[in-house]
PDB file of N, CA and C in Angstrom:
ATOM      1  N   MET A   1     160.721 190.148 270.912  1.00  0.00           N
ATOM      2  CA  MET A   1     160.535 189.857 272.264  1.00  0.00           C
ATOM      3  C   MET A   1     160.589 191.201 272.719  1.00  0.00           C
ATOM      4  N   LYS A   2     159.596 191.279 273.640  1.00  0.00           N
ATOM      5  CA  LYS A   2     159.678 192.972 274.524  1.00  0.00           C
ATOM      6  C   LYS A   2     160.189 192.951 275.767  1.00  0.00           C
ATOM      7  N   LYS A   3     160.642 193.972 275.925  1.00  0.00           N
ATOM      8  CA  LYS A   3     161.548 193.813 277.075  1.00  0.00           C
ATOM      9  C   LYS A   3     160.598 194.158 278.600  1.00  0.00           C
ATOM     10  N   GLN A   4     160.644 193.364 279.356  1.00  0.00           N
ATOM     11  CA  GLN A   4     160.155 193.571 280.734  1.00  0.00           C
ATOM     12  C   GLN A   4     159.965 194.917 281.276  1.00  0.00           C
ATOM     13  N   ARG A   5     158.932 195.267 281.573  1.00  0.00           N
ATOM     14  CA  ARG A   5     159.241 196.759 282.299  1.00  0.00           C
ATOM     15  C   ARG A   5     158.560 196.545 283.603  1.00  0.00           C
ATOM     16  N   LYS A   6     159.329 197.129 284.758  1.00  0.00           N
ATOM     17  CA  LYS A   6     159.179 196.837 285.919  1.00  0.00           C
ATOM     18  C   LYS A   6     158.966 198.593 286.666  1.00  0.00           C
ATOM     19  N   ASN A   7     158.235 198.583 287.939  1.00  0.00           N
ATOM     20  CA  ASN A   7     158.234 199.872 288.473  1.00  0.00           C
ATOM     21  C   ASN A   7     159.624 199.932 288.879  1.00  0.00           C
ATOM     22  N   LYS A   8     159.953 201.464 289.135  1.00  0.00           N
ATOM     23  CA  LYS A   8     161.476 201.623 289.643  1.00  0.00           C
ATOM     24  C   LYS A   8     161.585 201.036 291.242  1.00  0.00           C
ATOM     25  N   ILE A   9     160.280 201.205 292.162  1.00  0.00           N
ATOM     26  CA  ILE A   9     160.522 201.029 293.033  1.00  0.00           C
ATOM     27  C   ILE A   9     160.984 199.347 293.255  1.00  0.00           C
ATOM     28  N   ASN A  10     160.044 198.814 292.778  1.00  0.00           N
ATOM     29  CA  ASN A  10     160.474 197.042 292.738  1.00  0.00           C
ATOM     30  C   ASN A  10     161.687 196.784 292.069  1.00  0.00           C
ATOM     31  N   ARG A  11     161.938 197.285 291.334  1.00  0.00           N
ATOM     32  CA  ARG A  11     163.578 197.309 290.463  1.00  0.00           C
ATOM     33  C   ARG A  11     164.839 197.095 291.380  1.00  0.00           C
ATOM     34  N   ALA A  12     164.302 198.537 292.486  1.00  0.00           N
ATOM     35  CA  ALA A  12     165.527 198.301 293.471  1.00  0.00           C
ATOM     36  C   ALA A  12     165.416 197.445 294.607  1.00  0.00           C
ATOM     37  N   ARG A  13     164.136 196.699 294.834  1.00  0.00           N
ATOM     38  CA  ARG A  13     164.019 196.184 295.927  1.00  0.00           C
ATOM     39  C   ARG A  13     164.697 194.665 295.583  1.00  0.00           C
ATOM     40  N   ASN A  14     164.248 194.673 294.038  1.00  0.00           N
ATOM     41  CA  ASN A  14     164.921 193.184 293.442  1.00  0.00           C
ATOM     42  C   ASN A  14     166.194 192.830 293.601  1.00  0.00           C
ATOM     43  N   LEU A  15     166.898 194.231 293.234  1.00  0.00           N
ATOM     44  CA  LEU A  15     168.300 194.216 293.541  1.00  0.00           C
ATOM     45  C   LEU A  15     169.066 193.873 294.907  1.00  0.00           C
ATOM     46  N   ALA A  16     168.349 194.666 295.353  1.00  0.00           N
ATOM     47  CA  ALA A  16     168.624 194.790 297.438  1.00  0.00           C
ATOM     48  C   ALA A  16     168.481 192.999 297.319  1.00  0.00           C
ATOM     49  N   MET A  17     167.229 192.583 297.240  1.00  0.00           N
ATOM     50  CA  MET A  17     167.324 191.050 297.647  1.00  0.00           C
ATOM     51  C   MET A  17     168.482 190.169 297.185  1.00  0.00           C
ATOM     52  N   PHE A  18     168.633 190.863 295.573  1.00  0.00           N
ATOM     53  CA  PHE A  18     169.608 189.907 295.022  1.00  0.00           C
ATOM     54  C   PHE A  18     171.012 189.746 295.255  1.00  0.00           C
ATOM     55  N   LEU A  19     171.164 191.111 296.043  1.00  0.00           N
ATOM     56  CA  LEU A  19     172.491 190.996 297.193  1.00  0.00           C
ATOM     57  C   LEU A  19     172.664 190.426 298.331  1.00  0.00           C
ATOM     58  N   VAL A  20     171.430 190.385 298.995  1.00  0.00           N
ATOM     59  CA  VAL A  20     171.103 189.515 300.158  1.00  0.00           C
ATOM     60  C   VAL A  20     171.794 188.357 299.918  1.00  0.00           C
ATOM     61  N   PHE A  21     170.978 187.592 299.073  1.00  0.00           N
ATOM     62  CA  PHE A  21     170.823 186.285 298.700  1.00  0.00           C
ATOM     63  C   PHE A  21     172.483 185.643 298.097  1.00  0.00           C
ATOM     64  N   GLY A  22     172.899 186.665 297.372  1.00  0.00           N
ATOM     65  CA  GLY A  22     173.917 186.760 296.746  1.00  0.00           C
ATOM     66  C   GLY A  22     175.170 186.347 297.178  1.00  0.00           C
ATOM     67  N   GLY A  23     175.124 187.487 298.685  1.00  0.00           N
ATOM     68  CA  GLY A  23     176.030 187.591 299.580  1.00  0.00           C
ATOM     69  C   GLY A  23     176.074 186.390 300.269  1.00  0.00           C
ATOM     70  N   MET A  24     175.013 185.771 300.470  1.00  0.00           N
ATOM     71  CA  MET A  24     175.142 184.785 301.691  1.00  0.00           C
ATOM     72  C   MET A  24     175.385 183.662 300.818  1.00  0.00           C
ATOM     73  N   LEU A  25     175.395 183.345 299.268  1.00  0.00           N
ATOM     74  CA  LEU A  25     175.619 182.111 298.724  1.00  0.00           C
ATOM     75  C   LEU A  25     177.428 182.251 298.544  1.00  0.00           C
ATOM     76  N   VAL A  26     177.834 183.348 298.369  1.00  0.00           N
ATOM     77  CA  VAL A  26     179.301 184.026 298.488  1.00  0.00           C
ATOM     78  C   VAL A  26     179.765 183.726 299.883  1.00  0.00           C
ATOM     79  N   MET A  27     179.194 183.781 301.086  1.00  0.00           N
ATOM     80  CA  MET A  27     179.886 183.255 302.254  1.00  0.00           C
ATOM     81  C   MET A  27     179.746 181.807 302.099  1.00  0.00           C
ATOM     82  N   TYR A  28     178.777 181.392 302.085  1.00  0.00           N
ATOM     83  CA  TYR A  28     178.587 179.893 301.992  1.00  0.00           C
ATOM     84  C   TYR A  28     179.811 179.039 301.269  1.00  0.00           C
ATOM     85  N   GLY A  29     179.976 179.734 300.036  1.00  0.00           N
ATOM     86  CA  GLY A  29     181.395 179.114 298.936  1.00  0.00           C
ATOM     87  C   GLY A  29     182.597 179.410 299.709  1.00  0.00           C
ATOM     88  N   GLY A  30     182.386 180.359 300.649  1.00  0.00           N
ATOM     89  CA  GLY A  30     183.727 180.384 301.688  1.00  0.00           C
ATOM     90  C   GLY A  30     184.347 179.317 302.495  1.00  0.00           C
ATOM     91  N   LEU A  31     182.689 179.143 303.301  1.00  0.00           N
ATOM     92  CA  LEU A  31     182.848 177.855 304.155  1.00  0.00           C
ATOM     93  C   LEU A  31     183.514 176.617 303.470  1.00  0.00           C
ATOM     94  N   LEU A  32     182.626 176.494 302.151  1.00  0.00           N
ATOM     95  CA  LEU A  32     183.356 175.367 301.578  1.00  0.00           C
ATOM     96  C   LEU A  32     184.852 175.122 301.362  1.00  0.00           C
ATOM     97  N   LEU A  33     185.311 176.444 300.982  1.00  0.00           N
ATOM     98  CA  LEU A  33     186.664 176.393 300.907  1.00  0.00           C
ATOM     99  C   LEU A  33     187.391 176.785 301.944  1.00  0.00           C
ATOM    100  N   LYS A  34     187.184 176.010 303.262  1.00  0.00           N
ATOM    101  CA  LYS A  34     187.696 176.174 304.448  1.00  0.00           C
ATOM    102  C   LYS A  34     189.387 175.585 304.137  1.00  0.00           C
ATOM    103  N   GLN A  35     189.459 174.774 303.593  1.00  0.00           N
ATOM    104  CA  GLN A  35     190.920 174.545 303.556  1.00  0.00           C
ATOM    105  C   GLN A  35     191.868 175.664 303.013  1.00  0.00           C
ATOM    106  N   PHE A  36     191.169 176.503 302.374  1.00  0.00           N
ATOM    107  CA  PHE A  36     192.221 177.858 301.354  1.00  0.00           C
ATOM    108  C   PHE A  36     191.866 178.899 302.112  1.00  0.00           C
ATOM    109  N   GLU A  37     192.740 179.338 303.217  1.00  0.00           N
ATOM    110  CA  GLU A  37     192.048 180.417 304.205  1.00  0.00           C
ATOM    111  C   GLU A  37     192.231 181.616 303.521  1.00  0.00           C
ATOM    112  N   ILE A  38     193.041 182.049 302.392  1.00  0.00           N
ATOM    113  CA  ILE A  38     192.862 183.743 301.996  1.00  0.00           C
ATOM    114  C   ILE A  38     191.757 183.631 301.123  1.00  0.00           C
ATOM    115  N   ILE A  39     191.429 182.423 300.228  1.00  0.00           N
ATOM    116  CA  ILE A  39     190.232 182.278 299.448  1.00  0.00           C
ATOM    117  C   ILE A  39     188.840 182.499 300.806  1.00  0.00           C
ATOM    118  N   MET A  40     188.843 181.867 301.325  1.00  0.00           N
ATOM    119  CA  MET A  40     188.034 181.792 302.270  1.00  0.00           C
ATOM    120  C   MET A  40     187.314 183.206 303.416  1.00  0.00           C
ATOM    121  N   VAL A  41     188.383 183.769 303.439  1.00  0.00           N
ATOM    122  CA  VAL A  41     188.888 185.121 303.918  1.00  0.00           C
ATOM    123  C   VAL A  41     187.950 185.984 302.932  1.00  0.00           C
ATOM    124  N   ILE A  42     188.741 186.217 301.816  1.00  0.00           N
ATOM    125  CA  ILE A  42     188.213 186.871 300.400  1.00  0.00           C
ATOM    126  C   ILE A  42     186.577 186.928 300.219  1.00  0.00           C
ATOM    127  N   LEU A  43     185.895 185.698 300.224  1.00  0.00           N
ATOM    128  CA  LEU A  43     184.822 185.109 300.092  1.00  0.00           C
ATOM    129  C   LEU A  43     184.215 185.713 300.924  1.00  0.00           C
ATOM    130  N   MET A  44     184.211 185.314 302.016  1.00  0.00           N
ATOM    131  CA  MET A  44     183.613 185.871 303.487  1.00  0.00           C
ATOM    132  C   MET A  44     183.472 187.358 303.538  1.00  0.00           C
ATOM    133  N   LEU A  45     184.348 188.296 302.991  1.00  0.00           N
ATOM    134  CA  LEU A  45     184.465 189.789 303.056  1.00  0.00           C
ATOM    135  C   LEU A  45     183.505 190.256 302.024  1.00  0.00           C
ATOM    136  N   LEU A  46     183.804 189.573 300.560  1.00  0.00           N
ATOM    137  CA  LEU A  46     182.872 189.989 299.846  1.00  0.00           C
ATOM    138  C   LEU A  46     181.468 189.473 300.339  1.00  0.00           C
ATOM    139  N   GLY A  47     181.227 188.832 300.451  1.00  0.00           N
ATOM    140  CA  GLY A  47     179.827 188.092 301.217  1.00  0.00           C
ATOM    141  C   GLY A  47     179.011 189.410 301.880  1.00  0.00           C
ATOM    142  N   PHE A  48     180.321 189.676 303.032  1.00  0.00           N
ATOM    143  CA  PHE A  48     179.074 190.743 304.231  1.00  0.00           C
ATOM    144  C   PHE A  48     179.354 191.839 303.123  1.00  0.00           C
ATOM    145  N   VAL A  49     180.153 192.238 302.731  1.00  0.00           N
ATOM    146  CA  VAL A  49     180.271 193.718 301.559  1.00  0.00           C
ATOM    147  C   VAL A  49     178.797 193.419 300.779  1.00  0.00           C
ATOM    148  N   MET A  50     178.841 192.668 299.981  1.00  0.00           N
ATOM    149  CA  MET A  50     177.150 192.153 299.575  1.00  0.00           C
ATOM    150  C   MET A  50     176.162 192.620 300.359  1.00  0.00           C
ATOM    151  N   VAL A  51     176.152 191.936 301.986  1.00  0.00           N
ATOM    152  CA  VAL A  51     174.880 192.333 302.720  1.00  0.00           C
ATOM    153  C   VAL A  51     174.792 193.573 302.953  1.00  0.00           C
ATOM    154  N   LEU A  52     175.583 194.269 303.227  1.00  0.00           N
ATOM    155  CA  LEU A  52     175.830 195.431 304.143  1.00  0.00           C
ATOM    156  C   LEU A  52     175.342 196.482 302.891  1.00  0.00           C
ATOM    157  N   ALA A  53     175.862 196.233 301.329  1.00  0.00           N
ATOM    158  CA  ALA A  53     175.075 196.858 300.431  1.00  0.00           C
ATOM    159  C   ALA A  53     173.640 196.841 300.129  1.00  0.00           C
ATOM    160  N   SER A  54     173.048 195.593 300.543  1.00  0.00           N
ATOM    161  CA  SER A  54     171.551 195.369 300.092  1.00  0.00           C
ATOM    162  C   SER A  54     170.923 196.336 301.228  1.00  0.00           C
ATOM    163  N   THR A  55     171.669 196.052 302.336  1.00  0.00           N
ATOM    164  CA  THR A  55     170.910 197.095 303.599  1.00  0.00           C
ATOM    165  C   THR A  55     171.256 198.420 303.534  1.00  0.00           C
ATOM    166  N   ALA A  56     171.885 198.986 303.080  1.00  0.00           N
ATOM    167  CA  ALA A  56     172.085 200.351 302.255  1.00  0.00           C
ATOM    168  C   ALA A  56     171.420 200.944 301.192  1.00  0.00           C
ATOM    169  N   LEU A  57     170.783 199.965 300.694  1.00  0.00           N
ATOM    170  CA  LEU A  57     170.188 200.091 299.081  1.00  0.00           C
ATOM    171  C   LEU A  57     168.679 200.050 299.550  1.00  0.00           C
ATOM    172  N   TYR A  58     168.121 198.813 300.799  1.00  0.00           N
ATOM    173  CA  TYR A  58     167.072 199.211 301.472  1.00  0.00           C
ATOM    174  C   TYR A  58     166.834 200.158 302.517  1.00  0.00           C
ATOM    175  N   PHE A  59     167.339 200.492 302.703  1.00  0.00           N
ATOM    176  CA  PHE A  59     167.571 202.014 303.687  1.00  0.00           C
ATOM    177  C   PHE A  59     167.284 203.329 302.555  1.00  0.00           C
ATOM    178  N   LEU A  60     167.998 203.151 301.487  1.00  0.00           N
ATOM    179  CA  LEU A  60     167.543 204.161 300.584  1.00  0.00           C
ATOM    180  C   LEU A  60     165.935 204.063 299.942  1.00  0.00           C
ATOM    181  N   ILE A  61     165.841 203.166 299.471  1.00  0.00           N
ATOM    182  CA  ILE A  61     164.622 202.511 298.861  1.00  0.00           C
ATOM    183  C   ILE A  61     163.361 203.096 299.903  1.00  0.00           C
ATOM    184  N   GLY A  62     163.676 202.955 301.435  1.00  0.00           N
ATOM    185  CA  GLY A  62     163.013 203.311 301.945  1.00  0.00           C
ATOM    186  C   GLY A  62     162.596 204.758 302.227  1.00  0.00           C
ATOM    187  N   LEU A  63     163.493 205.363 301.944  1.00  0.00           N
ATOM    188  CA  LEU A  63     163.812 206.998 302.202  1.00  0.00           C
ATOM    189  C   LEU A  63     163.049 207.279 300.955  1.00  0.00           C
ATOM    190  N   THR A  64     163.535 207.095 299.704  1.00  0.00           N
ATOM    191  CA  THR A  64     162.808 207.154 298.623  1.00  0.00           C
ATOM    192  C   THR A  64     161.300 207.049 298.589  1.00  0.00           C
ATOM    193  N   SER A  65     160.814 205.640 299.076  1.00  0.00           N
ATOM    194  CA  SER A  65     159.472 205.531 299.173  1.00  0.00           C
ATOM    195  C   SER A  65     158.518 206.462 299.765  1.00  0.00           C
ATOM    196  N   THR A  66     159.208 206.959 300.693  1.00  0.00           N
ATOM    197  CA  THR A  66     158.362 207.759 301.631  1.00  0.00           C
ATOM    198  C   THR A  66     157.920 209.361 301.011  1.00  0.00           C
ATOM    199  N   LYS A  67     159.126 209.381 299.906  1.00  0.00           N
ATOM    200  CA  LYS A  67     158.457 210.625 299.346  1.00  0.00           C
ATOM    201  C   LYS A  67     158.068 210.725 297.993  1.00  0.00           C
ATOM    202  N   ALA A  68     158.073 209.238 297.637  1.00  0.00           N
ATOM    203  CA  ALA A  68     156.914 209.160 296.245  1.00  0.00           C
ATOM    204  C   ALA A  68     155.300 209.549 296.442  1.00  0.00           C
ATOM    205  N   ALA A  69     155.183 209.929 295.483  1.00  0.00           N
ATOM    206  CA  ALA A  69     153.745 210.544 295.230  1.00  0.00           C
ATOM    207  C   ALA A  69     153.028 208.969 295.191  1.00  0.00           C
ATOM    208  N   VAL A  70     151.882 209.037 295.749  1.00  0.00           N
ATOM    209  CA  VAL A  70     150.677 208.224 295.741  1.00  0.00           C
ATOM    210  C   VAL A  70     149.652 208.379 294.739  1.00  0.00           C
ATOM    211  N   VAL A  71     149.338 207.828 294.068  1.00  0.00           N
ATOM    212  CA  VAL A  71     148.259 207.725 293.144  1.00  0.00           C
ATOM    213  C   VAL A  71     147.618 206.264 293.152  1.00  0.00           C
ATOM    214  N   THR A  72     146.359 206.744 292.202  1.00  0.00           N
ATOM    215  CA  THR A  72     145.447 205.462 292.076  1.00  0.00           C
ATOM    216  C   THR A  72     145.719 205.113 290.687  1.00  0.00           C
ATOM    217  N   CYS A  73     145.496 204.173 290.256  1.00  0.00           N
ATOM    218  CA  CYS A  73     145.804 203.274 289.113  1.00  0.00           C
ATOM    219  C   CYS A  73     144.787 203.598 288.173  1.00  0.00           C
ATOM    220  N   PRO A  74     144.573 204.005 287.005  1.00  0.00           N
ATOM    221  CA  PRO A  74     142.940 204.343 286.470  1.00  0.00           C
ATOM    222  C   PRO A  74     142.850 202.415 285.782  1.00  0.00           C
ATOM    223  N   ASN A  75     143.930 201.945 285.715  1.00  0.00           N
ATOM    224  CA  ASN A  75     143.829 200.402 284.952  1.00  0.00           C
ATOM    225  C   ASN A  75     143.030 199.313 285.909  1.00  0.00           C
ATOM    226  N   CYS A  76     144.041 199.438 287.046  1.00  0.00           N
ATOM    227  CA  CYS A  76     143.566 198.277 288.070  1.00  0.00           C
ATOM    228  C   CYS A  76     142.427 199.010 289.392  1.00  0.00           C
ATOM    229  N   GLY A  77     142.794 200.177 289.661  1.00  0.00           N
ATOM    230  CA  GLY A  77     142.380 200.784 290.838  1.00  0.00           C
ATOM    231  C   GLY A  77     142.960 200.648 291.918  1.00  0.00           C
ATOM    232  N   LYS A  78     143.887 200.486 292.190  1.00  0.00           N
ATOM    233  CA  LYS A  78     145.426 200.062 293.232  1.00  0.00           C
ATOM    234  C   LYS A  78     145.852 201.474 293.714  1.00  0.00           C
ATOM    235  N   GLU A  79     146.170 201.577 294.814  1.00  0.00           N
ATOM    236  CA  GLU A  79     147.162 202.688 295.136  1.00  0.00           C
ATOM    237  C   GLU A  79     148.679 202.397 294.582  1.00  0.00           C
ATOM    238  N   THR A  80     149.300 203.109 294.120  1.00  0.00           N
ATOM    239  CA  THR A  80     150.839 202.968 293.921  1.00  0.00           C
ATOM    240  C   THR A  80     151.214 203.825 293.909  1.00  0.00           C
ATOM    241  N   LYS A  81     152.849 203.828 293.842  1.00  0.00           N
ATOM    242  CA  LYS A  81     154.176 205.323 294.299  1.00  0.00           C
ATOM    243  C   LYS A  81     154.470 205.379 292.319  1.00  0.00           C
ATOM    244  N   VAL A  82     154.645 206.372 292.170  1.00  0.00           N
ATOM    245  CA  VAL A  82     155.112 207.264 291.444  1.00  0.00           C
ATOM    246  C   VAL A  82     156.216 207.695 291.459  1.00  0.00           C
ATOM    247  N   LEU A  83     157.573 207.474 290.983  1.00  0.00           N
ATOM    248  CA  LEU A  83     158.727 208.330 290.902  1.00  0.00           C
ATOM    249  C   LEU A  83     159.149 208.812 289.878  1.00  0.00           C
ATOM    250  N   GLY A  84     159.511 209.778 289.977  1.00  0.00           N
ATOM    251  CA  GLY A  84     160.006 210.839 288.492  1.00  0.00           C
ATOM    252  C   GLY A  84     158.823 211.548 288.082  1.00  0.00           C
ATOM    253  N   ARG A  85     159.081 212.018 286.578  1.00  0.00           N
ATOM    254  CA  ARG A  85     158.091 212.132 285.649  1.00  0.00           C
ATOM    255  C   ARG A  85     157.215 211.210 285.415  1.00  0.00           C
ATOM    256  N   VAL A  86     157.373 209.824 285.014  1.00  0.00           N
ATOM    257  CA  VAL A  86     156.980 208.710 284.365  1.00  0.00           C
ATOM    258  C   VAL A  86     157.183 207.245 285.291  1.00  0.00           C
ATOM    259  N   ASP A  87     156.455 206.442 285.790  1.00  0.00           N
ATOM    260  CA  ASP A  87     156.242 205.414 285.982  1.00  0.00           C
ATOM    261  C   ASP A  87     155.672 204.470 285.734  1.00  0.00           C
ATOM    262  N   LEU A  88     155.552 203.296 286.278  1.00  0.00           N
ATOM    263  CA  LEU A  88     154.647 202.038 285.846  1.00  0.00           C
ATOM    264  C   LEU A  88     154.002 201.607 287.260  1.00  0.00           C
ATOM    265  N   CYS A  89     152.897 201.485 287.509  1.00  0.00           N
ATOM    266  CA  CYS A  89     151.698 201.009 288.107  1.00  0.00           C
ATOM    267  C   CYS A  89     152.577 199.689 289.003  1.00  0.00           C
ATOM    268  N   MET A  90     152.692 199.502 290.262  1.00  0.00           N
ATOM    269  CA  MET A  90     153.438 198.214 290.922  1.00  0.00           C
ATOM    270  C   MET A  90     152.362 197.688 290.747  1.00  0.00           C
ATOM    271  N   HIS A  91     151.288 197.408 290.618  1.00  0.00           N
ATOM    272  CA  HIS A  91     150.537 196.143 290.091  1.00  0.00           C
ATOM    273  C   HIS A  91     150.287 195.562 289.067  1.00  0.00           C
ATOM    274  N   CYS A  92     149.902 196.842 288.096  1.00  0.00           N
ATOM    275  CA  CYS A  92     149.451 195.801 286.402  1.00  0.00           C
ATOM    276  C   CYS A  92     150.541 196.346 285.427  1.00  0.00           C
ATOM    277  N   ASP A  93     151.571 197.260 285.403  1.00  0.00           N
ATOM    278  CA  ASP A  93     152.189 197.884 285.121  1.00  0.00           C
ATOM    279  C   ASP A  93     151.948 198.689 284.082  1.00  0.00           C
ATOM    280  N   GLU A  94     151.068 199.525 284.584  1.00  0.00           N
ATOM    281  CA  GLU A  94     150.538 200.417 283.416  1.00  0.00           C
ATOM    282  C   GLU A  94     151.345 201.987 283.483  1.00  0.00           C
ATOM    283  N   PRO A  95     151.432 202.362 282.475  1.00  0.00           N
ATOM    284  CA  PRO A  95     152.384 203.301 282.894  1.00  0.00           C
ATOM    285  C   PRO A  95     151.289 204.726 283.166  1.00  0.00           C
ATOM    286  N   LEU A  96     152.505 205.319 284.132  1.00  0.00           N
ATOM    287  CA  LEU A  96     151.959 206.687 284.788  1.00  0.00           C
ATOM    288  C   LEU A  96     152.679 207.516 284.494  1.00  0.00           C
ATOM    289  N   THR A  97     151.774 208.687 284.781  1.00  0.00           N
ATOM    290  CA  THR A  97     152.629 210.432 284.369  1.00  0.00           C
ATOM    291  C   THR A  97     151.931 211.271 285.450  1.00  0.00           C
ATOM    292  N   MET A  98     152.461 212.489 285.785  1.00  0.00           N
ATOM    293  CA  MET A  98     151.651 213.744 286.746  1.00  0.00           C
ATOM    294  C   MET A  98     152.405 214.611 286.017  1.00  0.00           C
ATOM    295  N   ASP A  99     152.472 214.313 284.383  1.00  0.00           N
ATOM    296  CA  ASP A  99     152.925 215.600 283.944  1.00  0.00           C
ATOM    297  C   ASP A  99     151.754 215.744 282.908  1.00  0.00           C
ATOM    298  N   GLN A 100     151.675 216.825 282.831  1.00  0.00           N
ATOM    299  CA  GLN A 100     150.338 216.968 282.015  1.00  0.00           C
ATOM    300  C   GLN A 100     151.012 216.682 280.327  1.00  0.00           C
ATOM    301  N   GLU A 101     152.048 217.295 280.734  1.00  0.00           N
ATOM    302  CA  GLU A 101     152.489 217.092 278.772  1.00  0.00           C
ATOM    303  C   GLU A 101     152.867 215.844 278.312  1.00  0.00           C
ATOM    304  N   LEU A 102     153.172 214.708 279.238  1.00  0.00           N
ATOM    305  CA  LEU A 102     153.264 213.634 278.988  1.00  0.00           C
ATOM    306  C   LEU A 102     152.008 213.051 278.781  1.00  0.00           C
ATOM    307  N   GLU A 103     150.826 213.119 278.883  1.00  0.00           N
ATOM    308  CA  GLU A 103     149.885 212.485 278.881  1.00  0.00           C
ATOM    309  C   GLU A 103     149.163 212.151 277.517  1.00  0.00           C
ATOM    310  N   GLY A 104     149.105 210.794 277.057  1.00  0.00           N
ATOM    311  CA  GLY A 104     148.630 210.343 276.298  1.00  0.00           C
ATOM    312  C   GLY A 104     150.232 210.180 275.229  1.00  0.00           C
ATOM    313  N   LYS A 105     151.158 210.332 275.271  1.00  0.00           N
ATOM    314  CA  LYS A 105     152.393 209.970 274.926  1.00  0.00           C
ATOM    315  C   LYS A 105     152.884 208.582 275.258  1.00  0.00           C
ATOM    316  N   GLU A 106     153.753 208.049 274.360  1.00  0.00           N
ATOM    317  CA  GLU A 106     154.268 206.312 274.593  1.00  0.00           C
ATOM    318  C   GLU A 106     155.230 206.657 275.406  1.00  0.00           C
ATOM    319  N   PHE A 107     155.365 205.550 276.191  1.00  0.00           N
ATOM    320  CA  PHE A 107     155.886 205.452 277.457  1.00  0.00           C
ATOM    321  C   PHE A 107     157.190 205.127 277.096  1.00  0.00           C
ATOM    322  N   ASP A 108     158.439 206.226 277.665  1.00  0.00           N
ATOM    323  CA  ASP A 108     159.809 205.803 277.792  1.00  0.00           C
ATOM    324  C   ASP A 108     160.520 206.640 278.579  1.00  0.00           C
ATOM    325  N   GLU A 109     161.609 205.594 279.521  1.00  0.00           N
ATOM    326  CA  GLU A 109     162.229 205.757 280.736  1.00  0.00           C
ATOM    327  C   GLU A 109     162.813 207.187 280.348  1.00  0.00           C
ATOM    328  N   LYS A 110     163.339 207.635 279.362  1.00  0.00           N
ATOM    329  CA  LYS A 110     164.331 208.804 279.074  1.00  0.00           C
ATOM    330  C   LYS A 110     163.323 210.353 279.790  1.00  0.00           C
ATOM    331  N   TYR A 111     162.385 209.879 279.770  1.00  0.00           N
ATOM    332  CA  TYR A 111     161.667 211.516 280.445  1.00  0.00           C
ATOM    333  C   TYR A 111     161.836 211.948 282.056  1.00  0.00           C
ATOM    334  N   ASN A 112     162.766 210.441 282.681  1.00  0.00           N
ATOM    335  CA  ASN A 112     163.208 210.697 283.746  1.00  0.00           C
ATOM    336  C   ASN A 112     164.834 211.489 283.834  1.00  0.00           C
ATOM    337  N   LYS A 113     165.046 211.781 282.582  1.00  0.00           N
ATOM    338  CA  LYS A 113     166.280 212.050 282.605  1.00  0.00           C
ATOM    339  C   LYS A 113     166.740 213.512 282.804  1.00  0.00           C
ATOM    340  N   HIS A 114     167.412 213.775 283.721  1.00  0.00           N
ATOM    341  CA  HIS A 114     167.207 215.536 284.237  1.00  0.00           C
ATOM    342  C   HIS A 114     168.045 216.307 283.178  1.00  0.00           C
ATOM    343  N   ASN A 115     169.374 215.913 282.852  1.00  0.00           N
ATOM    344  CA  ASN A 115     170.422 216.254 281.956  1.00  0.00           C
ATOM    345  C   ASN A 115     170.417 216.528 280.558  1.00  0.00           C
ATOM    346  N   LYS A 116     169.015 215.506 280.118  1.00  0.00           N
ATOM    347  CA  LYS A 116     168.966 215.729 278.573  1.00  0.00           C
ATOM    348  C   LYS A 116     167.350 216.129 278.592  1.00  0.00           C
ATOM    349  N   ARG A 117     167.508 216.555 277.372  1.00  0.00           N
ATOM    350  CA  ARG A 117     166.042 216.888 276.461  1.00  0.00           C
ATOM    351  C   ARG A 117     165.259 215.468 276.633  1.00  0.00           C
ATOM    352  N   ALA A 118     164.197 215.908 277.084  1.00  0.00           N
ATOM    353  CA  ALA A 118     163.158 214.572 276.906  1.00  0.00           C
ATOM    354  C   ALA A 118     162.683 214.182 275.149  1.00  0.00           C
ATOM    355  N   PRO A 119     162.788 213.023 275.175  1.00  0.00           N
ATOM    356  CA  PRO A 119     162.592 212.950 273.732  1.00  0.00           C
ATOM    357  C   PRO A 119     160.994 213.458 273.366  1.00  0.00           C
ATOM    358  N   ARG A 120     160.998 213.501 272.089  1.00  0.00           N
ATOM    359  CA  ARG A 120     159.253 214.264 271.877  1.00  0.00           C
ATOM    360  C   ARG A 120     158.347 213.133 270.905  1.00  0.00           C
TER     361      ARG A 120
END
């Protein structure tokens, strides 16, 4: 079965959204366990930390998104943002690159690694 690929910005947004709703569910669980005060406090604090983490992640996504290169996808014709050497179109998941050396090569997330040599 083929692994579902997604754009980097959308993956980060999905994680942040999961943290918001997960934090709310954890806090709701704390309310359901009111009779056990220690467990309630722990769950409320954990949920609050999850919501704070999602806020920080949304902030970082916003900063990163403003610096991303905006390109027009050759497949769907819509504008999308490219982070790193290779990325996927936000709309149609078409592999995109701004590196001339990588044009025509198979899409691989490893091309974005800085500390290791990219596969050939």
